[in-house]
């Protein structure tokens, strides 16, 4: 059987197949997407040693005056309620004594007016005097009672002001800074000293915002202190809801400085040989 009749159909088909093959070879292949690198198992950051809220305070004089006594020095250990400073209180003490004497004077006057009121009441009942005499005695009694209440309130105010001229330790801790000295004339709000409870230390770690999703409460943290051989561990105890500007200058100059950070709170073993404000490096276990 002759194949010539089929050549007319076979040749165009072969030509089309060859052209399609050339087009396929000519089309560039799409590059493979880069393989995503797995995130690091830890987060590196810096932080500073701080205290829990309320464990680091600066004591100030609420009222201005002459600083008469400051019996503590830096590094002194103090107990809660211990006297830390006394301002000159002679003027306030004299005012309080005068106010208390005025209250005693009004007490004596009240005792007389109470007797007079009862006497006038009896005289009215006997018909010896009119109602007006009783009303006058009663009015004097009530007016003196009001004056006594005002004097008593003033005495309370002076007593409270006098007590604020003696400053006591709000908690037990260490005097980490003595700011004023006896003999200085302090303005209202003048700073006296800084008190900290070094048994309640923790770390404020500055974690970059893009690492926040990898943090979990309770995650383990390795801590290294600059300039010391000390190594310690801690755990994340607080992750804030807000961000802030970086406070610590990055040790690596190649790192961007405009990244916002979260001040993550990390627990610290008591008695750790660290100083308030000391810079530390942290390696946080990522999740």
C-alpha atoms as a PDB file:
ATOM      1  CA  UNK A   1       0.000   0.000   0.000  1.00  0.00           C
ATOM      2  CA  UNK A   2       1.321   3.394  -0.972  1.00  0.00           C
ATOM      3  CA  UNK A   3       1.843   6.017   1.843  1.00  0.00           C
ATOM      4  CA  UNK A   4       1.956   8.970  -0.467  1.00  0.00           C
ATOM      5  CA  UNK A   5      -1.661   9.991   0.253  1.00  0.00           C
ATOM      6  CA  UNK A   6      -0.786  10.331   3.961  1.00  0.00           C
ATOM      7  CA  UNK A   7       2.345  12.402   3.467  1.00  0.00           C
ATOM      8  CA  UNK A   8       0.224  15.440   2.768  1.00  0.00           C
ATOM      9  CA  UNK A   9      -1.173  15.195   6.331  1.00  0.00           C
ATOM     10  CA  UNK A  10       1.874  13.877   8.188  1.00  0.00           C
ATOM     11  CA  UNK A  11       4.284  16.632   7.143  1.00  0.00           C
ATOM     12  CA  UNK A  12       2.187  19.573   8.514  1.00  0.00           C
ATOM     13  CA  UNK A  13       1.655  17.745  11.792  1.00  0.00           C
ATOM     14  CA  UNK A  14       5.388  17.128  12.206  1.00  0.00           C
ATOM     15  CA  UNK A  15       6.139  20.762  11.435  1.00  0.00           C
ATOM     16  CA  UNK A  16       3.688  21.963  14.067  1.00  0.00           C
ATOM     17  CA  UNK A  17       5.149  19.578  16.671  1.00  0.00           C
ATOM     18  CA  UNK A  18       8.684  20.783  15.951  1.00  0.00           C
ATOM     19  CA  UNK A  19       7.624  24.444  16.291  1.00  0.00           C
ATOM     20  CA  UNK A  20       5.909  23.774  19.618  1.00  0.00           C
ATOM     21  CA  UNK A  21       9.006  22.032  20.935  1.00  0.00           C
ATOM     22  CA  UNK A  22      11.173  25.007  19.961  1.00  0.00           C
ATOM     23  CA  UNK A  23       8.781  27.431  21.740  1.00  0.00           C
ATOM     24  CA  UNK A  24       8.880  25.346  24.921  1.00  0.00           C
ATOM     25  CA  UNK A  25      12.690  25.350  24.896  1.00  0.00           C
ATOM     26  CA  UNK A  26      12.748  29.103  24.254  1.00  0.00           C
ATOM     27  CA  UNK A  27      10.479  30.060  27.192  1.00  0.00           C
ATOM     28  CA  UNK A  28      12.560  30.971  30.269  1.00  0.00           C
ATOM     29  CA  UNK A  29      11.914  28.884  33.348  1.00  0.00           C
ATOM     30  CA  UNK A  30      10.556  30.684  36.377  1.00  0.00           C
ATOM     31  CA  UNK A  31      13.127  30.828  39.180  1.00  0.00           C
ATOM     32  CA  UNK A  32      12.447  28.708  42.213  1.00  0.00           C
ATOM     33  CA  UNK A  33      11.260  30.678  45.218  1.00  0.00           C
ATOM     34  CA  UNK A  34      13.964  31.098  47.831  1.00  0.00           C
ATOM     35  CA  UNK A  35      13.780  28.705  50.711  1.00  0.00           C
ATOM     36  CA  UNK A  36      12.651  30.490  53.883  1.00  0.00           C
ATOM     37  CA  UNK A  37      15.283  30.301  56.571  1.00  0.00           C
ATOM     38  CA  UNK A  38      14.012  28.952  59.889  1.00  0.00           C
ATOM     39  CA  UNK A  39      13.863  31.609  62.616  1.00  0.00           C
ATOM     40  CA  UNK A  40      16.564  31.532  65.227  1.00  0.00           C
ATOM     41  CA  UNK A  41      15.710  29.594  68.383  1.00  0.00           C
ATOM     42  CA  UNK A  42      16.705  32.544  70.580  1.00  0.00           C
ATOM     43  CA  UNK A  43      16.308  36.322  70.673  1.00  0.00           C
ATOM     44  CA  UNK A  44      19.307  38.493  71.484  1.00  0.00           C
ATOM     45  CA  UNK A  45      18.736  41.848  73.151  1.00  0.00           C
ATOM     46  CA  UNK A  46      20.073  44.242  75.756  1.00  0.00           C
ATOM     47  CA  UNK A  47      18.573  45.452  78.977  1.00  0.00           C
ATOM     48  CA  UNK A  48      19.207  47.249  82.240  1.00  0.00           C
ATOM     49  CA  UNK A  49      18.861  46.142  85.839  1.00  0.00           C
ATOM     50  CA  UNK A  50      15.904  47.792  87.585  1.00  0.00           C
ATOM     51  CA  UNK A  51      13.529  46.933  90.420  1.00  0.00           C
ATOM     52  CA  UNK A  52       9.921  45.928  90.751  1.00  0.00           C
ATOM     53  CA  UNK A  53       7.479  48.851  91.022  1.00  0.00           C
ATOM     54  CA  UNK A  54       7.686  50.608  94.368  1.00  0.00           C
ATOM     55  CA  UNK A  55      11.078  49.145  95.282  1.00  0.00           C
ATOM     56  CA  UNK A  56      13.135  52.131  94.068  1.00  0.00           C
ATOM     57  CA  UNK A  57      12.060  55.577  95.292  1.00  0.00           C
ATOM     58  CA  UNK A  58      13.526  59.044  95.690  1.00  0.00           C
ATOM     59  CA  UNK A  59      12.454  60.594  98.978  1.00  0.00           C
ATOM     60  CA  UNK A  60      11.677  64.307  98.810  1.00  0.00           C
ATOM     61  CA  UNK A  61      10.654  66.984 101.279  1.00  0.00           C
ATOM     62  CA  UNK A  62       6.981  67.821 100.797  1.00  0.00           C
ATOM     63  CA  UNK A  63       7.498  71.137 102.591  1.00  0.00           C
ATOM     64  CA  UNK A  64      10.527  73.359 102.185  1.00  0.00           C
ATOM     65  CA  UNK A  65      12.797  74.231 105.075  1.00  0.00           C
ATOM     66  CA  UNK A  66      16.173  73.769 106.706  1.00  0.00           C
ATOM     67  CA  UNK A  67      17.444  70.184 106.654  1.00  0.00           C
ATOM     68  CA  UNK A  68      18.361  69.649 110.288  1.00  0.00           C
ATOM     69  CA  UNK A  69      19.439  66.003 110.257  1.00  0.00           C
ATOM     70  CA  UNK A  70      20.163  63.267 107.702  1.00  0.00           C
ATOM     71  CA  UNK A  71      21.451  60.360 109.791  1.00  0.00           C
ATOM     72  CA  UNK A  72      21.988  57.838 106.960  1.00  0.00           C
ATOM     73  CA  UNK A  73      24.692  57.536 104.318  1.00  0.00           C
ATOM     74  CA  UNK A  74      25.104  55.751 101.002  1.00  0.00           C
ATOM     75  CA  UNK A  75      25.121  51.924 101.226  1.00  0.00           C
ATOM     76  CA  UNK A  76      23.428  52.007 104.654  1.00  0.00           C
ATOM     77  CA  UNK A  77      20.809  49.318 105.187  1.00  0.00           C
ATOM     78  CA  UNK A  78      17.603  50.705 106.715  1.00  0.00           C
ATOM     79  CA  UNK A  79      14.418  49.177 108.079  1.00  0.00           C
ATOM     80  CA  UNK A  80      10.841  50.130 107.267  1.00  0.00           C
ATOM     81  CA  UNK A  81       9.754  53.071 109.436  1.00  0.00           C
ATOM     82  CA  UNK A  82      13.290  54.146 110.315  1.00  0.00           C
ATOM     83  CA  UNK A  83      13.883  57.914 110.481  1.00  0.00           C
ATOM     84  CA  UNK A  84      15.882  59.017 107.445  1.00  0.00           C
ATOM     85  CA  UNK A  85      15.706  62.818 107.626  1.00  0.00           C
ATOM     86  CA  UNK A  86      14.406  65.656 109.805  1.00  0.00           C
ATOM     87  CA  UNK A  87      13.651  69.194 108.726  1.00  0.00           C
ATOM     88  CA  UNK A  88      13.574  72.117 111.117  1.00  0.00           C
ATOM     89  CA  UNK A  89      10.125  71.947 112.713  1.00  0.00           C
ATOM     90  CA  UNK A  90      10.349  74.563 115.500  1.00  0.00           C
ATOM     91  CA  UNK A  91       7.973  77.016 113.828  1.00  0.00           C
ATOM     92  CA  UNK A  92       5.416  74.322 113.021  1.00  0.00           C
ATOM     93  CA  UNK A  93       5.675  72.884 116.525  1.00  0.00           C
ATOM     94  CA  UNK A  94       5.013  76.322 118.037  1.00  0.00           C
ATOM     95  CA  UNK A  95       1.972  76.803 115.777  1.00  0.00           C
ATOM     96  CA  UNK A  96       0.632  73.407 116.813  1.00  0.00           C
ATOM     97  CA  UNK A  97       1.105  74.176 120.508  1.00  0.00           C
ATOM     98  CA  UNK A  98      -0.775  77.469 120.079  1.00  0.00           C
ATOM     99  CA  UNK A  99      -3.637  75.748 118.228  1.00  0.00           C
ATOM    100  CA  UNK A 100      -3.941  73.052 120.913  1.00  0.00           C
ATOM    101  CA  UNK A 101      -4.039  75.739 123.628  1.00  0.00           C
ATOM    102  CA  UNK A 102      -6.839  77.494 121.750  1.00  0.00           C
ATOM    103  CA  UNK A 103      -8.813  74.238 121.663  1.00  0.00           C
ATOM    104  CA  UNK A 104      -8.418  73.849 125.423  1.00  0.00           C
ATOM    105  CA  UNK A 105      -9.591  77.454 125.904  1.00  0.00           C
ATOM    106  CA  UNK A 106     -12.717  76.768 123.854  1.00  0.00           C
ATOM    107  CA  UNK A 107     -13.362  73.578 125.831  1.00  0.00           C
ATOM    108  CA  UNK A 108     -13.427  75.612 129.048  1.00  0.00           C
ATOM    109  CA  UNK A 109     -15.741  78.176 127.480  1.00  0.00           C
ATOM    110  CA  UNK A 110     -18.062  75.439 126.278  1.00  0.00           C
ATOM    111  CA  UNK A 111     -18.388  73.984 129.761  1.00  0.00           C
ATOM    112  CA  UNK A 112     -19.492  77.403 131.090  1.00  0.00           C
ATOM    113  CA  UNK A 113     -21.926  77.991 128.209  1.00  0.00           C
ATOM    114  CA  UNK A 114     -23.511  74.562 128.694  1.00  0.00           C
ATOM    115  CA  UNK A 115     -24.164  75.412 132.349  1.00  0.00           C
ATOM    116  CA  UNK A 116     -25.557  78.810 131.377  1.00  0.00           C
ATOM    117  CA  UNK A 117     -27.874  77.245 128.800  1.00  0.00           C
ATOM    118  CA  UNK A 118     -29.272  74.806 131.356  1.00  0.00           C
ATOM    119  CA  UNK A 119     -29.707  77.606 133.889  1.00  0.00           C
ATOM    120  CA  UNK A 120     -31.585  79.810 131.400  1.00  0.00           C
ATOM    121  CA  UNK A 121     -33.771  76.876 130.443  1.00  0.00           C
ATOM    122  CA  UNK A 122     -34.739  76.351 134.056  1.00  0.00           C
ATOM    123  CA  UNK A 123     -35.432  80.082 134.534  1.00  0.00           C
ATOM    124  CA  UNK A 124     -37.704  80.087 131.493  1.00  0.00           C
ATOM    125  CA  UNK A 125     -39.553  77.085 132.898  1.00  0.00           C
ATOM    126  CA  UNK A 126     -39.978  78.919 136.224  1.00  0.00           C
ATOM    127  CA  UNK A 127     -41.197  82.059 134.440  1.00  0.00           C
ATOM    128  CA  UNK A 128     -38.358  84.153 135.851  1.00  0.00           C
ATOM    129  CA  UNK A 129     -37.061  85.207 132.404  1.00  0.00           C
ATOM    130  CA  UNK A 130     -38.392  85.252 128.872  1.00  0.00           C
ATOM    131  CA  UNK A 131     -37.623  82.898 126.037  1.00  0.00           C
ATOM    132  CA  UNK A 132     -35.211  85.440 124.554  1.00  0.00           C
ATOM    133  CA  UNK A 133     -32.695  84.920 127.374  1.00  0.00           C
ATOM    134  CA  UNK A 134     -32.616  81.169 126.712  1.00  0.00           C
ATOM    135  CA  UNK A 135     -32.258  81.683 122.936  1.00  0.00           C
ATOM    136  CA  UNK A 136     -29.257  83.960 123.437  1.00  0.00           C
ATOM    137  CA  UNK A 137     -27.546  81.432 125.734  1.00  0.00           C
ATOM    138  CA  UNK A 138     -28.248  78.598 123.306  1.00  0.00           C
ATOM    139  CA  UNK A 139     -26.926  80.625 120.357  1.00  0.00           C
ATOM    140  CA  UNK A 140     -23.671  81.405 122.168  1.00  0.00           C
ATOM    141  CA  UNK A 141     -23.228  77.717 122.955  1.00  0.00           C
ATOM    142  CA  UNK A 142     -23.740  76.592 119.365  1.00  0.00           C
ATOM    143  CA  UNK A 143     -21.421  79.297 118.005  1.00  0.00           C
ATOM    144  CA  UNK A 144     -18.656  78.287 120.398  1.00  0.00           C
ATOM    145  CA  UNK A 145     -19.125  74.624 119.456  1.00  0.00           C
ATOM    146  CA  UNK A 146     -18.569  75.546 115.782  1.00  0.00           C
ATOM    147  CA  UNK A 147     -15.459  77.553 116.677  1.00  0.00           C
ATOM    148  CA  UNK A 148     -14.128  74.589 118.629  1.00  0.00           C
ATOM    149  CA  UNK A 149     -14.648  72.232 115.663  1.00  0.00           C
ATOM    150  CA  UNK A 150     -12.760  74.652 113.371  1.00  0.00           C
ATOM    151  CA  UNK A 151      -9.923  74.949 115.865  1.00  0.00           C
ATOM    152  CA  UNK A 152      -9.759  71.153 116.186  1.00  0.00           C
ATOM    153  CA  UNK A 153      -9.554  70.791 112.386  1.00  0.00           C
ATOM    154  CA  UNK A 154      -6.749  73.336 112.240  1.00  0.00           C
ATOM    155  CA  UNK A 155      -4.913  71.401 114.932  1.00  0.00           C
ATOM    156  CA  UNK A 156      -5.180  68.247 112.848  1.00  0.00           C
ATOM    157  CA  UNK A 157      -3.763  70.021 109.803  1.00  0.00           C
ATOM    158  CA  UNK A 158      -0.821  71.400 111.765  1.00  0.00           C
ATOM    159  CA  UNK A 159      -0.137  67.999 113.310  1.00  0.00           C
ATOM    160  CA  UNK A 160      -0.115  66.357 109.870  1.00  0.00           C
ATOM    161  CA  UNK A 161       2.205  69.034 108.466  1.00  0.00           C
ATOM    162  CA  UNK A 162       4.544  68.621 111.416  1.00  0.00           C
ATOM    163  CA  UNK A 163       4.734  64.871 110.905  1.00  0.00           C
ATOM    164  CA  UNK A 164       5.808  65.363 107.282  1.00  0.00           C
ATOM    165  CA  UNK A 165       8.941  67.189 108.392  1.00  0.00           C
ATOM    166  CA  UNK A 166      10.270  63.862 109.655  1.00  0.00           C
ATOM    167  CA  UNK A 167      10.818  61.401 106.800  1.00  0.00           C
ATOM    168  CA  UNK A 168      10.759  57.662 107.454  1.00  0.00           C
ATOM    169  CA  UNK A 169      11.694  54.715 105.260  1.00  0.00           C
ATOM    170  CA  UNK A 170       8.606  53.420 103.392  1.00  0.00           C
ATOM    171  CA  UNK A 171      10.229  49.963 103.168  1.00  0.00           C
ATOM    172  CA  UNK A 172      13.414  48.193 104.129  1.00  0.00           C
ATOM    173  CA  UNK A 173      16.292  48.582 101.705  1.00  0.00           C
ATOM    174  CA  UNK A 174      19.591  50.277 100.962  1.00  0.00           C
ATOM    175  CA  UNK A 175      20.427  53.946 100.544  1.00  0.00           C
ATOM    176  CA  UNK A 176      21.877  53.947  97.017  1.00  0.00           C
ATOM    177  CA  UNK A 177      22.269  57.716  96.754  1.00  0.00           C
ATOM    178  CA  UNK A 178      22.416  60.582  99.244  1.00  0.00           C
ATOM    179  CA  UNK A 179      21.464  63.797  97.488  1.00  0.00           C
ATOM    180  CA  UNK A 180      21.218  66.441 100.231  1.00  0.00           C
ATOM    181  CA  UNK A 181      23.276  67.276 103.318  1.00  0.00           C
ATOM    182  CA  UNK A 182      22.366  68.703 106.745  1.00  0.00           C
ATOM    183  CA  UNK A 183      22.288  72.482 106.825  1.00  0.00           C
ATOM    184  CA  UNK A 184      20.866  72.895 103.316  1.00  0.00           C
ATOM    185  CA  UNK A 185      17.768  75.006 102.813  1.00  0.00           C
ATOM    186  CA  UNK A 186      15.484  72.824 100.729  1.00  0.00           C
ATOM    187  CA  UNK A 187      12.601  74.002  98.543  1.00  0.00           C
ATOM    188  CA  UNK A 188       9.264  72.204  98.588  1.00  0.00           C
ATOM    189  CA  UNK A 189       9.827  68.917  96.781  1.00  0.00           C
ATOM    190  CA  UNK A 190      13.593  69.019  97.353  1.00  0.00           C
ATOM    191  CA  UNK A 191      15.242  65.617  96.841  1.00  0.00           C
ATOM    192  CA  UNK A 192      16.910  64.019  99.844  1.00  0.00           C
ATOM    193  CA  UNK A 193      18.006  60.473  99.032  1.00  0.00           C
ATOM    194  CA  UNK A 194      17.287  57.406  96.930  1.00  0.00           C
ATOM    195  CA  UNK A 195      16.213  54.148  98.567  1.00  0.00           C
ATOM    196  CA  UNK A 196      16.018  50.763  96.831  1.00  0.00           C
ATOM    197  CA  UNK A 197      15.129  47.226  97.855  1.00  0.00           C
ATOM    198  CA  UNK A 198      17.885  45.228  96.165  1.00  0.00           C
ATOM    199  CA  UNK A 199      16.107  41.965  96.935  1.00  0.00           C
ATOM    200  CA  UNK A 200      13.469  42.878  94.356  1.00  0.00           C
ATOM    201  CA  UNK A 201      15.655  43.339  91.283  1.00  0.00           C
ATOM    202  CA  UNK A 202      14.575  42.521  87.751  1.00  0.00           C
ATOM    203  CA  UNK A 203      15.632  43.421  84.203  1.00  0.00           C
ATOM    204  CA  UNK A 204      13.947  45.622  81.614  1.00  0.00           C
ATOM    205  CA  UNK A 205      14.894  44.058  78.292  1.00  0.00           C
ATOM    206  CA  UNK A 206      14.480  46.033  75.056  1.00  0.00           C
ATOM    207  CA  UNK A 207      13.034  43.530  72.585  1.00  0.00           C
ATOM    208  CA  UNK A 208      12.649  44.645  68.959  1.00  0.00           C
ATOM    209  CA  UNK A 209       9.062  44.875  67.793  1.00  0.00           C
ATOM    210  CA  UNK A 210       9.455  42.209  65.092  1.00  0.00           C
ATOM    211  CA  UNK A 211      10.426  39.646  67.768  1.00  0.00           C
ATOM    212  CA  UNK A 212       7.379  40.187  69.982  1.00  0.00           C
ATOM    213  CA  UNK A 213       5.335  37.409  68.391  1.00  0.00           C
ATOM    214  CA  UNK A 214       7.985  34.918  69.493  1.00  0.00           C
ATOM    215  CA  UNK A 215       7.801  35.820  73.173  1.00  0.00           C
ATOM    216  CA  UNK A 216       5.864  33.925  75.796  1.00  0.00           C
ATOM    217  CA  UNK A 217       5.416  34.476  79.511  1.00  0.00           C
ATOM    218  CA  UNK A 218       7.694  32.156  81.437  1.00  0.00           C
ATOM    219  CA  UNK A 219      10.220  31.735  78.620  1.00  0.00           C
ATOM    220  CA  UNK A 220      13.732  31.088  79.908  1.00  0.00           C
ATOM    221  CA  UNK A 221      16.310  33.859  79.603  1.00  0.00           C
ATOM    222  CA  UNK A 222      20.115  33.563  79.795  1.00  0.00           C
ATOM    223  CA  UNK A 223      21.738  36.683  81.270  1.00  0.00           C
ATOM    224  CA  UNK A 224      25.290  37.972  80.976  1.00  0.00           C
ATOM    225  CA  UNK A 225      26.608  41.084  82.694  1.00  0.00           C
ATOM    226  CA  UNK A 226      29.145  43.245  80.932  1.00  0.00           C
ATOM    227  CA  UNK A 227      32.553  43.370  82.534  1.00  0.00           C
ATOM    228  CA  UNK A 228      31.902  40.433  84.877  1.00  0.00           C
ATOM    229  CA  UNK A 229      32.199  36.668  84.718  1.00  0.00           C
ATOM    230  CA  UNK A 230      28.732  36.270  86.213  1.00  0.00           C
ATOM    231  CA  UNK A 231      26.161  34.281  84.262  1.00  0.00           C
ATOM    232  CA  UNK A 232      22.581  33.848  85.356  1.00  0.00           C
ATOM    233  CA  UNK A 233      19.123  32.870  84.230  1.00  0.00           C
ATOM    234  CA  UNK A 234      15.652  34.323  84.538  1.00  0.00           C
ATOM    235  CA  UNK A 235      12.182  34.090  83.065  1.00  0.00           C
ATOM    236  CA  UNK A 236       9.873  36.529  81.302  1.00  0.00           C
ATOM    237  CA  UNK A 237       7.329  37.755  83.848  1.00  0.00           C
ATOM    238  CA  UNK A 238       5.707  40.632  81.949  1.00  0.00           C
ATOM    239  CA  UNK A 239       5.217  41.544  78.275  1.00  0.00           C
ATOM    240  CA  UNK A 240       3.851  45.104  77.826  1.00  0.00           C
ATOM    241  CA  UNK A 241       1.039  45.957  75.438  1.00  0.00           C
ATOM    242  CA  UNK A 242       2.725  49.130  74.163  1.00  0.00           C
ATOM    243  CA  UNK A 243       5.976  50.014  72.426  1.00  0.00           C
ATOM    244  CA  UNK A 244       8.475  52.782  73.099  1.00  0.00           C
ATOM    245  CA  UNK A 245      11.632  54.257  71.646  1.00  0.00           C
ATOM    246  CA  UNK A 246      14.891  52.458  72.278  1.00  0.00           C
ATOM    247  CA  UNK A 247      16.616  53.782  75.388  1.00  0.00           C
ATOM    248  CA  UNK A 248      19.838  51.813  75.158  1.00  0.00           C
ATOM    249  CA  UNK A 249      22.278  52.570  72.409  1.00  0.00           C
ATOM    250  CA  UNK A 250      22.781  49.429  70.361  1.00  0.00           C
ATOM    251  CA  UNK A 251      26.181  47.797  70.863  1.00  0.00           C
ATOM    252  CA  UNK A 252      26.236  46.710  67.207  1.00  0.00           C
ATOM    253  CA  UNK A 253      26.562  49.901  65.066  1.00  0.00           C
ATOM    254  CA  UNK A 254      25.088  48.092  62.061  1.00  0.00           C
ATOM    255  CA  UNK A 255      21.739  47.605  63.773  1.00  0.00           C
ATOM    256  CA  UNK A 256      18.984  50.105  62.928  1.00  0.00           C
ATOM    257  CA  UNK A 257      18.247  52.646  65.620  1.00  0.00           C
ATOM    258  CA  UNK A 258      14.714  53.649  64.635  1.00  0.00           C
ATOM    259  CA  UNK A 259      13.079  50.342  65.590  1.00  0.00           C
ATOM    260  CA  UNK A 260      10.569  50.561  68.401  1.00  0.00           C
ATOM    261  CA  UNK A 261      10.964  48.164  71.296  1.00  0.00           C
ATOM    262  CA  UNK A 262       8.942  46.609  74.096  1.00  0.00           C
ATOM    263  CA  UNK A 263      10.293  46.837  77.629  1.00  0.00           C
ATOM    264  CA  UNK A 264       9.954  43.178  78.571  1.00  0.00           C
ATOM    265  CA  UNK A 265      10.347  42.462  82.302  1.00  0.00           C
ATOM    266  CA  UNK A 266      12.599  39.543  83.219  1.00  0.00           C
ATOM    267  CA  UNK A 267      12.849  38.045  86.700  1.00  0.00           C
ATOM    268  CA  UNK A 268      16.252  37.970  88.339  1.00  0.00           C
ATOM    269  CA  UNK A 269      17.612  35.623  90.970  1.00  0.00           C
ATOM    270  CA  UNK A 270      17.813  37.344  94.384  1.00  0.00           C
ATOM    271  CA  UNK A 271      21.306  38.290  95.533  1.00  0.00           C
ATOM    272  CA  UNK A 272      22.544  38.513  91.943  1.00  0.00           C
ATOM    273  CA  UNK A 273      25.818  40.520  91.936  1.00  0.00           C
ATOM    274  CA  UNK A 274      24.398  43.293  89.755  1.00  0.00           C
ATOM    275  CA  UNK A 275      23.997  47.041  90.202  1.00  0.00           C
ATOM    276  CA  UNK A 276      20.952  49.174  89.552  1.00  0.00           C
ATOM    277  CA  UNK A 277      21.142  50.515  86.017  1.00  0.00           C
ATOM    278  CA  UNK A 278      23.818  48.010  84.976  1.00  0.00           C
ATOM    279  CA  UNK A 279      23.674  46.967  81.340  1.00  0.00           C
ATOM    280  CA  UNK A 280      23.248  43.267  80.573  1.00  0.00           C
ATOM    281  CA  UNK A 281      22.938  41.075  77.506  1.00  0.00           C
ATOM    282  CA  UNK A 282      20.086  38.584  77.229  1.00  0.00           C
ATOM    283  CA  UNK A 283      19.356  35.518  75.153  1.00  0.00           C
ATOM    284  CA  UNK A 284      15.630  34.734  75.273  1.00  0.00           C
ATOM    285  CA  UNK A 285      14.315  31.320  74.329  1.00  0.00           C
ATOM    286  CA  UNK A 286      12.028  31.955  71.348  1.00  0.00           C
ATOM    287  CA  UNK A 287       8.710  30.196  70.732  1.00  0.00           C
END
